[in-house]
PDB file of N, CA and C in Angstrom:
ATOM      1  N   MET A   1     -68.126 -32.415  37.324  1.00  0.00           N
ATOM      2  CA  MET A   1     -66.796 -31.912  37.804  1.00  0.00           C
ATOM      3  C   MET A   1     -66.406 -30.614  36.784  1.00  0.00           C
ATOM      4  N   GLY A   2     -65.623 -29.736  37.545  1.00  0.00           N
ATOM      5  CA  GLY A   2     -65.225 -28.470  36.817  1.00  0.00           C
ATOM      6  C   GLY A   2     -64.315 -28.486  35.905  1.00  0.00           C
ATOM      7  N   HIS A   3     -64.224 -27.560  35.011  1.00  0.00           N
ATOM      8  CA  HIS A   3     -63.381 -27.630  33.920  1.00  0.00           C
ATOM      9  C   HIS A   3     -61.521 -27.788  34.004  1.00  0.00           C
ATOM     10  N   ALA A   4     -61.497 -27.670  35.187  1.00  0.00           N
ATOM     11  CA  ALA A   4     -60.051 -27.641  35.813  1.00  0.00           C
ATOM     12  C   ALA A   4     -59.738 -29.322  35.956  1.00  0.00           C
ATOM     13  N   GLY A   5     -60.790 -29.960  36.395  1.00  0.00           N
ATOM     14  CA  GLY A   5     -60.917 -31.322  36.630  1.00  0.00           C
ATOM     15  C   GLY A   5     -60.281 -31.592  38.362  1.00  0.00           C
ATOM     16  N   TYR A   6     -60.435 -30.487  38.993  1.00  0.00           N
ATOM     17  CA  TYR A   6     -59.690 -30.565  40.179  1.00  0.00           C
ATOM     18  C   TYR A   6     -60.942 -31.132  41.438  1.00  0.00           C
ATOM     19  N   ALA A   7     -62.259 -31.063  41.020  1.00  0.00           N
ATOM     20  CA  ALA A   7     -63.101 -31.521  42.016  1.00  0.00           C
ATOM     21  C   ALA A   7     -62.975 -32.549  42.887  1.00  0.00           C
ATOM     22  N   LYS A   8     -63.045 -32.802  43.991  1.00  0.00           N
ATOM     23  CA  LYS A   8     -62.789 -33.932  44.669  1.00  0.00           C
ATOM     24  C   LYS A   8     -64.209 -34.751  45.188  1.00  0.00           C
ATOM     25  N   LYS A   9     -64.009 -36.008  45.479  1.00  0.00           N
ATOM     26  CA  LYS A   9     -65.341 -36.676  46.174  1.00  0.00           C
ATOM     27  C   LYS A   9     -65.273 -36.333  47.821  1.00  0.00           C
ATOM     28  N   ASN A  10     -66.749 -35.991  47.953  1.00  0.00           N
ATOM     29  CA  ASN A  10     -66.675 -35.871  49.530  1.00  0.00           C
ATOM     30  C   ASN A  10     -67.111 -37.135  50.322  1.00  0.00           C
ATOM     31  N   LEU A  11     -67.069 -37.376  51.596  1.00  0.00           N
ATOM     32  CA  LEU A  11     -67.445 -38.486  52.107  1.00  0.00           C
ATOM     33  C   LEU A  11     -68.739 -39.236  51.515  1.00  0.00           C
ATOM     34  N   PHE A  12     -69.606 -38.650  50.873  1.00  0.00           N
ATOM     35  CA  PHE A  12     -70.780 -39.118  50.673  1.00  0.00           C
ATOM     36  C   PHE A  12     -70.628 -39.601  49.160  1.00  0.00           C
ATOM     37  N   GLY A  13     -69.557 -39.569  48.462  1.00  0.00           N
ATOM     38  CA  GLY A  13     -69.131 -40.084  47.350  1.00  0.00           C
ATOM     39  C   GLY A  13     -69.740 -38.997  45.885  1.00  0.00           C
ATOM     40  N   ARG A  14     -70.063 -37.710  46.556  1.00  0.00           N
ATOM     41  CA  ARG A  14     -70.438 -36.866  45.413  1.00  0.00           C
ATOM     42  C   ARG A  14     -69.204 -35.756  45.231  1.00  0.00           C
ATOM     43  N   ARG A  15     -69.433 -35.289  43.862  1.00  0.00           N
ATOM     44  CA  ARG A  15     -68.249 -34.606  44.031  1.00  0.00           C
ATOM     45  C   ARG A  15     -68.555 -32.736  44.577  1.00  0.00           C
ATOM     46  N   GLU A  16     -67.534 -32.443  44.865  1.00  0.00           N
ATOM     47  CA  GLU A  16     -67.515 -31.097  45.461  1.00  0.00           C
ATOM     48  C   GLU A  16     -67.248 -30.257  44.366  1.00  0.00           C
ATOM     49  N   PRO A  17     -67.730 -28.733  44.597  1.00  0.00           N
ATOM     50  CA  PRO A  17     -67.454 -27.695  43.349  1.00  0.00           C
ATOM     51  C   PRO A  17     -65.868 -27.773  43.215  1.00  0.00           C
ATOM     52  N   ASP A  18     -65.647 -27.302  41.836  1.00  0.00           N
ATOM     53  CA  ASP A  18     -64.174 -27.375  41.528  1.00  0.00           C
ATOM     54  C   ASP A  18     -63.738 -26.183  41.832  1.00  0.00           C
ATOM     55  N   VAL A  19     -62.967 -26.017  43.050  1.00  0.00           N
ATOM     56  CA  VAL A  19     -62.636 -24.761  43.636  1.00  0.00           C
ATOM     57  C   VAL A  19     -61.568 -23.688  42.505  1.00  0.00           C
ATOM     58  N   LEU A  20     -60.646 -24.756  41.943  1.00  0.00           N
ATOM     59  CA  LEU A  20     -59.818 -24.252  40.950  1.00  0.00           C
ATOM     60  C   LEU A  20     -60.373 -23.678  40.087  1.00  0.00           C
ATOM     61  N   CYS A  21     -61.248 -24.271  39.381  1.00  0.00           N
ATOM     62  CA  CYS A  21     -62.055 -23.761  38.139  1.00  0.00           C
ATOM     63  C   CYS A  21     -62.683 -22.442  38.532  1.00  0.00           C
ATOM     64  N   ALA A  22     -63.510 -22.254  39.816  1.00  0.00           N
ATOM     65  CA  ALA A  22     -63.863 -21.383  40.153  1.00  0.00           C
ATOM     66  C   ALA A  22     -62.827 -20.149  40.453  1.00  0.00           C
ATOM     67  N   ALA A  23     -61.720 -20.563  40.871  1.00  0.00           N
ATOM     68  CA  ALA A  23     -60.626 -19.450  41.093  1.00  0.00           C
ATOM     69  C   ALA A  23     -60.253 -18.934  39.792  1.00  0.00           C
ATOM     70  N   ILE A  24     -60.012 -19.761  39.067  1.00  0.00           N
ATOM     71  CA  ILE A  24     -59.531 -19.139  37.683  1.00  0.00           C
ATOM     72  C   ILE A  24     -60.671 -18.339  36.844  1.00  0.00           C
ATOM     73  N   SER A  25     -61.813 -18.868  37.138  1.00  0.00           N
ATOM     74  CA  SER A  25     -62.990 -18.325  36.318  1.00  0.00           C
ATOM     75  C   SER A  25     -63.105 -16.675  36.835  1.00  0.00           C
ATOM     76  N   ILE A  26     -63.125 -16.616  38.160  1.00  0.00           N
ATOM     77  CA  ILE A  26     -62.992 -15.203  38.877  1.00  0.00           C
ATOM     78  C   ILE A  26     -62.057 -14.366  38.371  1.00  0.00           C
ATOM     79  N   LEU A  27     -60.797 -14.840  38.347  1.00  0.00           N
ATOM     80  CA  LEU A  27     -59.563 -14.124  37.871  1.00  0.00           C
ATOM     81  C   LEU A  27     -59.909 -13.702  36.416  1.00  0.00           C
ATOM     82  N   VAL A  28     -60.246 -14.661  35.480  1.00  0.00           N
ATOM     83  CA  VAL A  28     -60.724 -14.348  33.935  1.00  0.00           C
ATOM     84  C   VAL A  28     -61.639 -13.065  33.884  1.00  0.00           C
ATOM     85  N   PHE A  29     -62.818 -13.372  34.569  1.00  0.00           N
ATOM     86  CA  PHE A  29     -63.594 -12.229  34.309  1.00  0.00           C
ATOM     87  C   PHE A  29     -63.156 -10.954  35.126  1.00  0.00           C
ATOM     88  N   THR A  30     -62.702 -11.016  36.234  1.00  0.00           N
ATOM     89  CA  THR A  30     -62.319  -9.810  36.941  1.00  0.00           C
ATOM     90  C   THR A  30     -61.250  -9.234  36.007  1.00  0.00           C
ATOM     91  N   VAL A  31     -60.296  -9.858  35.665  1.00  0.00           N
ATOM     92  CA  VAL A  31     -59.195  -8.818  34.792  1.00  0.00           C
ATOM     93  C   VAL A  31     -59.839  -8.546  33.544  1.00  0.00           C
ATOM     94  N   ASN A  32     -60.782  -9.141  32.785  1.00  0.00           N
ATOM     95  CA  ASN A  32     -61.376  -8.784  31.673  1.00  0.00           C
ATOM     96  C   ASN A  32     -62.281  -7.525  31.908  1.00  0.00           C
ATOM     97  N   ASN A  33     -62.970  -7.538  33.044  1.00  0.00           N
ATOM     98  CA  ASN A  33     -63.990  -6.339  33.328  1.00  0.00           C
ATOM     99  C   ASN A  33     -63.148  -5.218  33.713  1.00  0.00           C
ATOM    100  N   SER A  34     -62.079  -5.482  34.387  1.00  0.00           N
ATOM    101  CA  SER A  34     -61.011  -4.396  34.774  1.00  0.00           C
ATOM    102  C   SER A  34     -60.523  -3.565  33.823  1.00  0.00           C
ATOM    103  N   LEU A  35     -60.137  -4.438  32.794  1.00  0.00           N
ATOM    104  CA  LEU A  35     -59.374  -3.928  31.561  1.00  0.00           C
ATOM    105  C   LEU A  35     -60.272  -2.929  30.822  1.00  0.00           C
ATOM    106  N   GLU A  36     -61.551  -3.302  30.556  1.00  0.00           N
ATOM    107  CA  GLU A  36     -62.624  -2.879  29.787  1.00  0.00           C
ATOM    108  C   GLU A  36     -63.051  -1.442  30.685  1.00  0.00           C
ATOM    109  N   GLU A  37     -63.606  -1.776  31.762  1.00  0.00           N
ATOM    110  CA  GLU A  37     -64.370  -0.795  32.793  1.00  0.00           C
ATOM    111  C   GLU A  37     -63.327   0.453  33.333  1.00  0.00           C
ATOM    112  N   LEU A  38     -62.213  -0.292  33.984  1.00  0.00           N
ATOM    113  CA  LEU A  38     -61.388   0.914  34.717  1.00  0.00           C
ATOM    114  C   LEU A  38     -60.223   1.230  33.951  1.00  0.00           C
ATOM    115  N   ALA A  39     -59.720   0.338  32.939  1.00  0.00           N
ATOM    116  CA  ALA A  39     -58.653   0.882  32.262  1.00  0.00           C
ATOM    117  C   ALA A  39     -58.958   1.405  30.900  1.00  0.00           C
ATOM    118  N   GLY A  40     -60.337   1.190  30.263  1.00  0.00           N
ATOM    119  CA  GLY A  40     -60.791   1.727  29.243  1.00  0.00           C
ATOM    120  C   GLY A  40     -60.312   0.851  27.793  1.00  0.00           C
ATOM    121  N   GLU A  41     -59.866  -0.112  27.948  1.00  0.00           N
ATOM    122  CA  GLU A  41     -59.399  -1.086  26.808  1.00  0.00           C
ATOM    123  C   GLU A  41     -60.657  -1.525  26.001  1.00  0.00           C
ATOM    124  N   LYS A  42     -60.392  -1.573  24.564  1.00  0.00           N
ATOM    125  CA  LYS A  42     -61.334  -2.423  23.849  1.00  0.00           C
ATOM    126  C   LYS A  42     -61.009  -3.825  23.628  1.00  0.00           C
ATOM    127  N   ILE A  43     -61.689  -4.752  24.025  1.00  0.00           N
ATOM    128  CA  ILE A  43     -61.509  -6.181  24.221  1.00  0.00           C
ATOM    129  C   ILE A  43     -62.657  -6.807  23.285  1.00  0.00           C
ATOM    130  N   THR A  44     -62.555  -7.664  22.516  1.00  0.00           N
ATOM    131  CA  THR A  44     -63.286  -8.579  21.948  1.00  0.00           C
ATOM    132  C   THR A  44     -63.044  -9.866  22.865  1.00  0.00           C
ATOM    133  N   THR A  45     -64.170 -10.588  23.436  1.00  0.00           N
ATOM    134  CA  THR A  45     -64.125 -11.819  24.090  1.00  0.00           C
ATOM    135  C   THR A  45     -64.816 -12.941  23.499  1.00  0.00           C
ATOM    136  N   VAL A  46     -64.198 -14.002  23.482  1.00  0.00           N
ATOM    137  CA  VAL A  46     -65.021 -15.287  22.778  1.00  0.00           C
ATOM    138  C   VAL A  46     -65.056 -16.369  23.995  1.00  0.00           C
ATOM    139  N   GLU A  47     -66.107 -16.640  24.425  1.00  0.00           N
ATOM    140  CA  GLU A  47     -66.108 -17.796  25.542  1.00  0.00           C
ATOM    141  C   GLU A  47     -66.972 -18.891  25.001  1.00  0.00           C
ATOM    142  N   ASN A  48     -66.520 -20.236  25.614  1.00  0.00           N
ATOM    143  CA  ASN A  48     -67.339 -21.527  25.246  1.00  0.00           C
ATOM    144  C   ASN A  48     -67.293 -22.288  26.832  1.00  0.00           C
ATOM    145  N   GLU A  49     -68.587 -21.887  27.213  1.00  0.00           N
ATOM    146  CA  GLU A  49     -68.926 -22.354  28.681  1.00  0.00           C
ATOM    147  C   GLU A  49     -68.880 -23.812  28.812  1.00  0.00           C
ATOM    148  N   GLU A  50     -69.036 -24.439  27.716  1.00  0.00           N
ATOM    149  CA  GLU A  50     -68.961 -25.743  27.749  1.00  0.00           C
ATOM    150  C   GLU A  50     -67.400 -26.439  28.224  1.00  0.00           C
ATOM    151  N   THR A  51     -66.544 -25.785  27.265  1.00  0.00           N
ATOM    152  CA  THR A  51     -65.177 -26.227  27.363  1.00  0.00           C
ATOM    153  C   THR A  51     -64.389 -25.599  28.582  1.00  0.00           C
ATOM    154  N   GLY A  52     -65.075 -24.306  28.729  1.00  0.00           N
ATOM    155  CA  GLY A  52     -64.126 -23.451  29.672  1.00  0.00           C
ATOM    156  C   GLY A  52     -63.191 -22.582  29.009  1.00  0.00           C
ATOM    157  N   PHE A  53     -63.423 -22.504  27.675  1.00  0.00           N
ATOM    158  CA  PHE A  53     -62.310 -21.731  26.527  1.00  0.00           C
ATOM    159  C   PHE A  53     -62.900 -20.134  26.769  1.00  0.00           C
ATOM    160  N   VAL A  54     -62.010 -19.381  27.005  1.00  0.00           N
ATOM    161  CA  VAL A  54     -61.821 -18.009  26.959  1.00  0.00           C
ATOM    162  C   VAL A  54     -60.856 -17.159  26.192  1.00  0.00           C
ATOM    163  N   ARG A  55     -61.289 -16.400  25.275  1.00  0.00           N
ATOM    164  CA  ARG A  55     -60.355 -15.699  24.286  1.00  0.00           C
ATOM    165  C   ARG A  55     -60.388 -14.319  24.614  1.00  0.00           C
ATOM    166  N   CYS A  56     -59.451 -13.487  24.813  1.00  0.00           N
ATOM    167  CA  CYS A  56     -59.526 -11.978  24.835  1.00  0.00           C
ATOM    168  C   CYS A  56     -58.436 -11.515  23.875  1.00  0.00           C
ATOM    169  N   ASP A  57     -59.135 -10.747  22.861  1.00  0.00           N
ATOM    170  CA  ASP A  57     -58.206  -9.951  21.712  1.00  0.00           C
ATOM    171  C   ASP A  57     -58.344  -8.509  22.132  1.00  0.00           C
ATOM    172  N   PHE A  58     -57.006  -7.784  22.173  1.00  0.00           N
ATOM    173  CA  PHE A  58     -57.104  -6.442  22.552  1.00  0.00           C
ATOM    174  C   PHE A  58     -56.758  -5.892  21.269  1.00  0.00           C
ATOM    175  N   GLU A  59     -57.901  -4.712  20.920  1.00  0.00           N
ATOM    176  CA  GLU A  59     -57.826  -3.763  19.696  1.00  0.00           C
ATOM    177  C   GLU A  59     -56.724  -3.087  19.460  1.00  0.00           C
ATOM    178  N   GLY A  60     -55.726  -2.657  20.456  1.00  0.00           N
ATOM    179  CA  GLY A  60     -54.757  -1.842  20.465  1.00  0.00           C
ATOM    180  C   GLY A  60     -53.425  -2.410  21.427  1.00  0.00           C
ATOM    181  N   VAL A  61     -52.523  -1.205  21.523  1.00  0.00           N
ATOM    182  CA  VAL A  61     -51.457  -1.735  22.389  1.00  0.00           C
ATOM    183  C   VAL A  61     -51.944  -1.294  23.902  1.00  0.00           C
ATOM    184  N   LEU A  62     -51.582  -2.055  24.807  1.00  0.00           N
ATOM    185  CA  LEU A  62     -52.149  -1.774  26.228  1.00  0.00           C
ATOM    186  C   LEU A  62     -51.295  -0.457  26.880  1.00  0.00           C
ATOM    187  N   GLN A  63     -52.264  -0.008  27.759  1.00  0.00           N
ATOM    188  CA  GLN A  63     -51.448   0.873  28.373  1.00  0.00           C
ATOM    189  C   GLN A  63     -50.832   0.454  29.771  1.00  0.00           C
ATOM    190  N   GLU A  64     -50.194   1.310  30.387  1.00  0.00           N
ATOM    191  CA  GLU A  64     -49.060   0.639  31.275  1.00  0.00           C
ATOM    192  C   GLU A  64     -49.943   0.059  32.404  1.00  0.00           C
ATOM    193  N   LYS A  65     -51.013   0.850  33.014  1.00  0.00           N
ATOM    194  CA  LYS A  65     -52.044   0.340  34.073  1.00  0.00           C
ATOM    195  C   LYS A  65     -52.729  -1.176  33.568  1.00  0.00           C
ATOM    196  N   SER A  66     -52.830  -1.496  32.168  1.00  0.00           N
ATOM    197  CA  SER A  66     -53.199  -2.494  31.841  1.00  0.00           C
ATOM    198  C   SER A  66     -52.251  -3.587  31.841  1.00  0.00           C
ATOM    199  N   VAL A  67     -50.961  -3.179  31.385  1.00  0.00           N
ATOM    200  CA  VAL A  67     -50.096  -4.303  31.407  1.00  0.00           C
ATOM    201  C   VAL A  67     -49.928  -4.430  32.902  1.00  0.00           C
ATOM    202  N   PHE A  68     -49.971  -3.816  33.726  1.00  0.00           N
ATOM    203  CA  PHE A  68     -49.763  -4.183  35.177  1.00  0.00           C
ATOM    204  C   PHE A  68     -51.068  -5.302  35.780  1.00  0.00           C
ATOM    205  N   LEU A  69     -52.238  -5.009  35.200  1.00  0.00           N
ATOM    206  CA  LEU A  69     -53.466  -5.876  35.390  1.00  0.00           C
ATOM    207  C   LEU A  69     -53.065  -7.138  35.060  1.00  0.00           C
ATOM    208  N   MET A  70     -52.305  -7.289  33.629  1.00  0.00           N
ATOM    209  CA  MET A  70     -52.338  -8.499  32.741  1.00  0.00           C
ATOM    210  C   MET A  70     -50.966  -9.400  33.617  1.00  0.00           C
ATOM    211  N   ASP A  71     -50.007  -8.696  34.066  1.00  0.00           N
ATOM    212  CA  ASP A  71     -49.026  -9.040  34.881  1.00  0.00           C
ATOM    213  C   ASP A  71     -49.452  -9.795  36.200  1.00  0.00           C
ATOM    214  N   SER A  72     -50.515  -9.068  36.949  1.00  0.00           N
ATOM    215  CA  SER A  72     -50.948  -9.533  38.169  1.00  0.00           C
ATOM    216  C   SER A  72     -51.654 -10.853  37.719  1.00  0.00           C
ATOM    217  N   PHE A  73     -52.445 -11.048  36.778  1.00  0.00           N
ATOM    218  CA  PHE A  73     -53.432 -12.010  36.283  1.00  0.00           C
ATOM    219  C   PHE A  73     -52.597 -13.187  36.005  1.00  0.00           C
ATOM    220  N   VAL A  74     -51.538 -12.978  35.238  1.00  0.00           N
ATOM    221  CA  VAL A  74     -50.549 -14.122  35.065  1.00  0.00           C
ATOM    222  C   VAL A  74     -49.617 -14.585  36.254  1.00  0.00           C
ATOM    223  N   TYR A  75     -49.367 -13.546  37.113  1.00  0.00           N
ATOM    224  CA  TYR A  75     -49.001 -14.014  38.407  1.00  0.00           C
ATOM    225  C   TYR A  75     -49.514 -14.939  39.223  1.00  0.00           C
ATOM    226  N   SER A  76     -51.326 -14.541  39.293  1.00  0.00           N
ATOM    227  CA  SER A  76     -52.008 -15.290  40.078  1.00  0.00           C
ATOM    228  C   SER A  76     -52.191 -16.547  39.543  1.00  0.00           C
ATOM    229  N   LEU A  77     -52.285 -16.694  38.053  1.00  0.00           N
ATOM    230  CA  LEU A  77     -52.559 -18.156  37.502  1.00  0.00           C
ATOM    231  C   LEU A  77     -51.286 -19.004  37.856  1.00  0.00           C
ATOM    232  N   THR A  78     -50.310 -18.454  37.641  1.00  0.00           N
ATOM    233  CA  THR A  78     -48.917 -18.994  38.102  1.00  0.00           C
ATOM    234  C   THR A  78     -48.937 -19.744  39.529  1.00  0.00           C
ATOM    235  N   GLN A  79     -49.252 -18.924  40.238  1.00  0.00           N
ATOM    236  CA  GLN A  79     -49.437 -19.339  41.756  1.00  0.00           C
ATOM    237  C   GLN A  79     -50.166 -20.338  42.038  1.00  0.00           C
ATOM    238  N   LEU A  80     -51.493 -20.265  41.154  1.00  0.00           N
ATOM    239  CA  LEU A  80     -52.509 -21.362  41.113  1.00  0.00           C
ATOM    240  C   LEU A  80     -51.695 -22.919  40.600  1.00  0.00           C
ATOM    241  N   SER A  81     -50.980 -22.597  39.782  1.00  0.00           N
ATOM    242  CA  SER A  81     -50.597 -23.654  39.230  1.00  0.00           C
ATOM    243  C   SER A  81     -49.716 -24.343  39.800  1.00  0.00           C
ATOM    244  N   GLN A  82     -48.795 -23.664  40.730  1.00  0.00           N
ATOM    245  CA  GLN A  82     -47.819 -24.152  41.636  1.00  0.00           C
ATOM    246  C   GLN A  82     -48.527 -24.952  42.889  1.00  0.00           C
ATOM    247  N   LYS A  83     -49.699 -24.338  43.014  1.00  0.00           N
ATOM    248  CA  LYS A  83     -50.211 -24.739  44.293  1.00  0.00           C
ATOM    249  C   LYS A  83     -51.027 -26.038  44.085  1.00  0.00           C
ATOM    250  N   TYR A  84     -52.020 -25.825  42.906  1.00  0.00           N
ATOM    251  CA  TYR A  84     -52.665 -27.146  42.604  1.00  0.00           C
ATOM    252  C   TYR A  84     -51.996 -28.058  41.836  1.00  0.00           C
ATOM    253  N   GLY A  85     -51.115 -27.599  40.988  1.00  0.00           N
ATOM    254  CA  GLY A  85     -50.137 -28.710  40.110  1.00  0.00           C
ATOM    255  C   GLY A  85     -50.456 -28.582  38.937  1.00  0.00           C
ATOM    256  N   GLU A  86     -49.550 -28.698  37.956  1.00  0.00           N
ATOM    257  CA  GLU A  86     -49.767 -28.490  36.412  1.00  0.00           C
ATOM    258  C   GLU A  86     -50.657 -29.465  35.730  1.00  0.00           C
ATOM    259  N   GLN A  87     -50.903 -30.663  36.475  1.00  0.00           N
ATOM    260  CA  GLN A  87     -52.009 -31.740  35.829  1.00  0.00           C
ATOM    261  C   GLN A  87     -53.481 -31.006  35.866  1.00  0.00           C
ATOM    262  N   TYR A  88     -53.620 -29.866  36.661  1.00  0.00           N
ATOM    263  CA  TYR A  88     -54.879 -29.171  36.563  1.00  0.00           C
ATOM    264  C   TYR A  88     -54.750 -27.947  36.015  1.00  0.00           C
ATOM    265  N   LEU A  89     -53.684 -27.141  35.909  1.00  0.00           N
ATOM    266  CA  LEU A  89     -53.374 -25.854  35.340  1.00  0.00           C
ATOM    267  C   LEU A  89     -52.166 -25.749  35.013  1.00  0.00           C
ATOM    268  N   GLN A  90     -52.022 -25.173  33.681  1.00  0.00           N
ATOM    269  CA  GLN A  90     -50.728 -24.978  32.968  1.00  0.00           C
ATOM    270  C   GLN A  90     -50.715 -23.803  32.244  1.00  0.00           C
ATOM    271  N   VAL A  91     -49.682 -22.825  32.802  1.00  0.00           N
ATOM    272  CA  VAL A  91     -49.800 -21.522  32.404  1.00  0.00           C
ATOM    273  C   VAL A  91     -48.545 -21.592  31.328  1.00  0.00           C
ATOM    274  N   LYS A  92     -48.897 -21.261  30.037  1.00  0.00           N
ATOM    275  CA  LYS A  92     -47.947 -21.456  28.885  1.00  0.00           C
ATOM    276  C   LYS A  92     -47.743 -19.955  28.264  1.00  0.00           C
ATOM    277  N   PHE A  93     -46.759 -19.543  27.872  1.00  0.00           N
ATOM    278  CA  PHE A  93     -46.393 -18.232  27.102  1.00  0.00           C
ATOM    279  C   PHE A  93     -46.173 -18.591  25.634  1.00  0.00           C
ATOM    280  N   GLU A  94     -46.752 -17.700  24.767  1.00  0.00           N
ATOM    281  CA  GLU A  94     -46.470 -17.988  23.284  1.00  0.00           C
ATOM    282  C   GLU A  94     -46.374 -16.616  22.525  1.00  0.00           C
ATOM    283  N   GLU A  95     -45.282 -16.464  21.927  1.00  0.00           N
ATOM    284  CA  GLU A  95     -45.300 -15.141  21.323  1.00  0.00           C
ATOM    285  C   GLU A  95     -45.843 -15.184  20.169  1.00  0.00           C
ATOM    286  N   VAL A  96     -46.731 -13.855  19.982  1.00  0.00           N
ATOM    287  CA  VAL A  96     -47.576 -13.765  18.872  1.00  0.00           C
ATOM    288  C   VAL A  96     -47.359 -12.700  17.957  1.00  0.00           C
TER     289      VAL A  96
END
């Protein structure tokens, strides 16, 4: 079962791939790579493949184009949460 817990059983009783986990993963890695490669941001990334945990720390204040990328990322995650349900994906905001 994927990290999001959305994998469903097919007709033969086997679990299908977790499409929600895959969608979240591609969004995380795309925005992280875009921020580093396209926007030139300096990011420290910590990952735990077993738990699906990813943490990205920015070394400075984000440029305007990077803020746009992050807004798009949050928007996409929010849309996925609404489509698949909060029991599988919760988007939380925390002031730091």
